[in-house]
């Protein structure tokens, strides 16, 4: 059901030159049909049987280059800042 409604993407290309702001903007564009514009997105990654927020050094943000390193072979999950209607 989530896949059919557009909440799951099988692939999304992150460009290494994107900064954090561009990355989140592009993700909002990809989910524009099912995600309100006022919803913030939190990047999540699998760790055991839980989803956790990736830890980066203070002052760093998940840019396209860091996403390529951190999520090289992992699935990237997005957590919306508020409940969205499914």
N, C-alpha and C. Protein backbone atom coordinates (compact mmCIF):
# COMPACT_ATOMS: atom_id res chain seq x y z
N UNK A 1 0.82 -1.19 0.00
CA UNK A 1 0.00 0.00 0.00
C UNK A 1 0.87 1.27 0.00
N UNK A 2 1.91 1.29 0.84
CA UNK A 2 2.80 2.46 0.89
C UNK A 2 3.50 2.66 -0.44
N UNK A 3 3.93 1.57 -1.05
CA UNK A 3 4.60 1.65 -2.35
C UNK A 3 3.66 2.21 -3.41
N UNK A 4 2.43 1.71 -3.42
CA UNK A 4 1.45 2.15 -4.42
C UNK A 4 1.09 3.63 -4.25
N UNK A 5 1.13 4.13 -3.03
CA UNK A 5 0.78 5.53 -2.78
C UNK A 5 1.97 6.48 -2.92
N UNK A 6 3.14 5.96 -3.26
CA UNK A 6 4.29 6.82 -3.52
C UNK A 6 5.18 7.11 -2.32
N UNK A 7 5.00 6.38 -1.23
CA UNK A 7 5.80 6.61 -0.03
C UNK A 7 7.13 5.86 -0.04
N UNK A 8 7.33 5.00 -1.03
CA UNK A 8 8.57 4.22 -1.12
C UNK A 8 9.15 4.41 -2.52
N UNK A 9 10.43 4.74 -2.57
CA UNK A 9 11.15 4.83 -3.83
C UNK A 9 12.13 3.67 -3.90
N UNK A 10 12.19 3.01 -5.04
CA UNK A 10 13.14 1.91 -5.22
C UNK A 10 14.56 2.43 -5.44
N UNK A 11 14.67 3.64 -5.96
CA UNK A 11 15.99 4.23 -6.21
C UNK A 11 15.87 5.75 -6.16
N UNK A 12 16.94 6.37 -5.70
CA UNK A 12 17.03 7.83 -5.68
C UNK A 12 18.51 8.17 -5.79
N UNK A 13 18.88 8.98 -6.75
CA UNK A 13 20.29 9.31 -6.95
C UNK A 13 20.68 10.56 -6.18
N UNK A 14 21.63 10.41 -5.26
CA UNK A 14 22.20 11.54 -4.53
C UNK A 14 23.46 11.97 -5.25
N UNK A 15 23.56 13.23 -5.57
CA UNK A 15 24.78 13.72 -6.20
C UNK A 15 25.76 14.17 -5.11
N UNK A 16 27.01 13.83 -5.26
CA UNK A 16 28.01 14.12 -4.24
C UNK A 16 28.20 15.61 -3.99
N UNK A 17 27.91 16.43 -4.97
CA UNK A 17 28.11 17.88 -4.80
C UNK A 17 26.96 18.58 -4.06
N UNK A 18 25.89 17.86 -3.76
CA UNK A 18 24.76 18.45 -3.03
C UNK A 18 25.15 18.73 -1.58
N UNK A 19 24.74 19.89 -1.09
CA UNK A 19 24.87 20.16 0.35
C UNK A 19 23.59 19.64 1.03
N UNK A 20 23.54 19.77 2.34
CA UNK A 20 22.39 19.25 3.09
C UNK A 20 21.07 19.88 2.62
N UNK A 21 21.08 21.18 2.42
CA UNK A 21 19.87 21.89 2.01
C UNK A 21 19.36 21.39 0.65
N UNK A 22 20.25 21.25 -0.30
CA UNK A 22 19.87 20.76 -1.62
C UNK A 22 19.35 19.33 -1.53
N UNK A 23 20.00 18.51 -0.72
CA UNK A 23 19.59 17.12 -0.55
C UNK A 23 18.16 17.03 -0.03
N UNK A 24 17.86 17.77 1.02
CA UNK A 24 16.50 17.73 1.58
C UNK A 24 15.48 18.31 0.59
N UNK A 25 15.87 19.33 -0.14
CA UNK A 25 14.98 19.92 -1.15
C UNK A 25 14.65 18.90 -2.24
N UNK A 26 15.66 18.18 -2.70
CA UNK A 26 15.44 17.17 -3.75
C UNK A 26 14.57 16.02 -3.25
N UNK A 27 14.73 15.65 -1.98
CA UNK A 27 13.88 14.60 -1.41
C UNK A 27 12.43 15.07 -1.30
N UNK A 28 12.24 16.33 -0.92
CA UNK A 28 10.88 16.88 -0.87
C UNK A 28 10.25 16.86 -2.27
N UNK A 29 11.05 17.18 -3.28
CA UNK A 29 10.54 17.14 -4.66
C UNK A 29 10.14 15.72 -5.05
N UNK A 30 10.93 14.75 -4.63
CA UNK A 30 10.64 13.35 -4.98
C UNK A 30 9.34 12.86 -4.35
N UNK A 31 9.02 13.40 -3.18
CA UNK A 31 7.81 12.98 -2.47
C UNK A 31 6.73 14.08 -2.46
N UNK A 32 6.77 14.96 -3.43
CA UNK A 32 5.86 16.12 -3.43
C UNK A 32 4.38 15.75 -3.45
N UNK A 33 4.05 14.59 -4.01
CA UNK A 33 2.64 14.19 -4.09
C UNK A 33 2.10 13.63 -2.78
N UNK A 34 2.97 13.27 -1.85
CA UNK A 34 2.48 12.64 -0.62
C UNK A 34 3.06 13.27 0.66
N UNK A 35 3.87 14.31 0.52
CA UNK A 35 4.51 14.91 1.68
C UNK A 35 4.25 16.42 1.71
N UNK A 36 3.57 16.91 2.75
CA UNK A 36 3.34 18.35 2.84
C UNK A 36 4.66 19.12 2.90
N UNK A 37 4.69 20.32 2.37
CA UNK A 37 5.93 21.10 2.28
C UNK A 37 6.46 21.54 3.65
N UNK A 38 5.61 21.57 4.68
CA UNK A 38 6.05 22.02 6.00
C UNK A 38 6.63 20.89 6.86
N UNK A 39 6.73 19.69 6.31
CA UNK A 39 7.26 18.54 7.04
C UNK A 39 8.78 18.48 6.85
N UNK A 40 9.51 18.40 7.97
CA UNK A 40 10.95 18.22 7.92
C UNK A 40 11.25 16.72 7.86
N UNK A 41 12.37 16.38 7.27
CA UNK A 41 12.75 14.98 7.13
C UNK A 41 14.00 14.68 7.95
N UNK A 42 13.97 13.56 8.65
CA UNK A 42 15.15 13.11 9.41
C UNK A 42 15.68 11.85 8.73
N UNK A 43 16.98 11.84 8.46
CA UNK A 43 17.60 10.68 7.84
C UNK A 43 17.78 9.59 8.89
N UNK A 44 17.43 8.36 8.54
CA UNK A 44 17.53 7.22 9.45
C UNK A 44 18.22 6.07 8.72
N UNK A 45 18.89 5.22 9.52
CA UNK A 45 19.55 4.06 8.96
C UNK A 45 19.30 2.85 9.85
N UNK A 46 19.33 1.65 9.27
CA UNK A 46 19.12 0.45 10.08
C UNK A 46 20.34 0.15 10.95
N UNK A 47 20.09 -0.26 12.18
CA UNK A 47 21.13 -0.69 13.10
C UNK A 47 20.53 -1.83 13.93
N UNK A 48 20.90 -3.05 13.59
CA UNK A 48 20.25 -4.20 14.21
C UNK A 48 18.80 -4.24 13.77
N UNK A 49 17.89 -4.24 14.74
CA UNK A 49 16.46 -4.25 14.39
C UNK A 49 15.81 -2.90 14.68
N UNK A 50 16.61 -1.83 14.72
CA UNK A 50 16.10 -0.49 14.98
C UNK A 50 16.53 0.46 13.87
N UNK A 51 15.85 1.59 13.81
CA UNK A 51 16.28 2.69 12.94
C UNK A 51 16.91 3.75 13.81
N UNK A 52 18.08 4.21 13.42
CA UNK A 52 18.79 5.23 14.19
C UNK A 52 19.19 6.37 13.27
N UNK A 53 19.37 7.53 13.86
CA UNK A 53 19.86 8.68 13.12
C UNK A 53 21.37 8.56 13.00
N UNK A 54 21.94 8.69 11.79
CA UNK A 54 23.38 8.57 11.65
C UNK A 54 24.11 9.68 12.43
N UNK A 55 25.20 9.32 13.06
CA UNK A 55 26.00 10.28 13.83
C UNK A 55 27.12 10.81 12.94
N UNK A 56 27.22 12.12 12.87
CA UNK A 56 28.32 12.76 12.15
C UNK A 56 29.02 13.71 13.12
N UNK A 57 30.23 14.07 12.78
CA UNK A 57 30.99 14.98 13.64
C UNK A 57 30.28 16.31 13.78
N UNK A 58 30.50 16.96 14.91
CA UNK A 58 29.90 18.26 15.16
C UNK A 58 30.28 19.23 14.04
N UNK A 59 29.29 19.93 13.55
CA UNK A 59 29.52 20.89 12.46
C UNK A 59 29.33 20.30 11.08
N UNK A 60 29.24 18.97 10.98
CA UNK A 60 29.02 18.33 9.69
C UNK A 60 27.53 18.08 9.47
N UNK A 61 27.14 18.07 8.22
CA UNK A 61 25.77 17.74 7.85
C UNK A 61 25.81 16.63 6.82
N UNK A 62 24.72 15.94 6.67
CA UNK A 62 24.67 14.86 5.68
C UNK A 62 24.51 15.44 4.28
N UNK A 63 25.61 15.77 3.69
CA UNK A 63 25.64 16.24 2.31
C UNK A 63 25.55 15.02 1.39
N UNK A 64 25.48 15.27 0.11
CA UNK A 64 25.45 14.17 -0.84
C UNK A 64 26.68 13.28 -0.73
N UNK A 65 27.86 13.88 -0.53
CA UNK A 65 29.10 13.11 -0.42
C UNK A 65 29.07 12.21 0.83
N UNK A 66 28.62 12.75 1.96
CA UNK A 66 28.55 11.93 3.18
C UNK A 66 27.50 10.84 3.07
N UNK A 67 26.40 11.13 2.42
CA UNK A 67 25.37 10.10 2.22
C UNK A 67 25.94 8.94 1.41
N UNK A 68 26.74 9.26 0.39
CA UNK A 68 27.38 8.21 -0.41
C UNK A 68 28.28 7.34 0.46
N UNK A 69 28.96 7.92 1.43
CA UNK A 69 29.85 7.16 2.31
C UNK A 69 29.07 6.38 3.36
N UNK A 70 28.16 7.04 4.06
CA UNK A 70 27.45 6.42 5.17
C UNK A 70 26.46 5.36 4.70
N UNK A 71 25.74 5.64 3.63
CA UNK A 71 24.68 4.74 3.17
C UNK A 71 25.11 3.93 1.95
N UNK A 72 26.38 3.71 1.80
CA UNK A 72 26.92 3.01 0.64
C UNK A 72 26.12 1.76 0.28
N UNK A 73 25.90 0.89 1.24
CA UNK A 73 25.15 -0.34 0.97
C UNK A 73 23.96 -0.50 1.91
N UNK A 74 23.52 0.60 2.49
CA UNK A 74 22.38 0.56 3.42
C UNK A 74 21.18 1.26 2.80
N UNK A 75 20.03 0.91 3.29
CA UNK A 75 18.81 1.59 2.89
C UNK A 75 18.70 2.88 3.70
N UNK A 76 18.31 3.95 3.05
CA UNK A 76 18.09 5.23 3.72
C UNK A 76 16.60 5.34 4.00
N UNK A 77 16.26 5.57 5.25
CA UNK A 77 14.87 5.77 5.65
C UNK A 77 14.70 7.24 6.00
N UNK A 78 13.50 7.76 5.79
CA UNK A 78 13.19 9.14 6.14
C UNK A 78 12.08 9.14 7.18
N UNK A 79 12.29 9.90 8.24
CA UNK A 79 11.26 10.03 9.28
C UNK A 79 10.70 11.46 9.17
N UNK A 80 9.39 11.59 8.92
CA UNK A 80 8.79 12.92 8.86
C UNK A 80 8.67 13.54 10.25
N UNK A 81 8.71 14.86 10.31
CA UNK A 81 8.64 15.56 11.60
C UNK A 81 7.26 15.50 12.23
N UNK A 82 6.26 15.17 11.45
CA UNK A 82 4.92 15.00 12.00
C UNK A 82 4.22 13.89 11.23
N UNK A 83 3.16 13.37 11.82
CA UNK A 83 2.43 12.28 11.20
C UNK A 83 1.85 12.72 9.87
N UNK A 84 1.99 11.87 8.87
CA UNK A 84 1.43 12.19 7.57
C UNK A 84 0.30 11.20 7.25
N UNK A 85 -0.63 11.65 6.46
CA UNK A 85 -1.79 10.84 6.13
C UNK A 85 -1.43 9.82 5.07
N UNK A 86 -1.73 8.56 5.35
CA UNK A 86 -1.39 7.47 4.39
C UNK A 86 -2.61 7.08 3.61
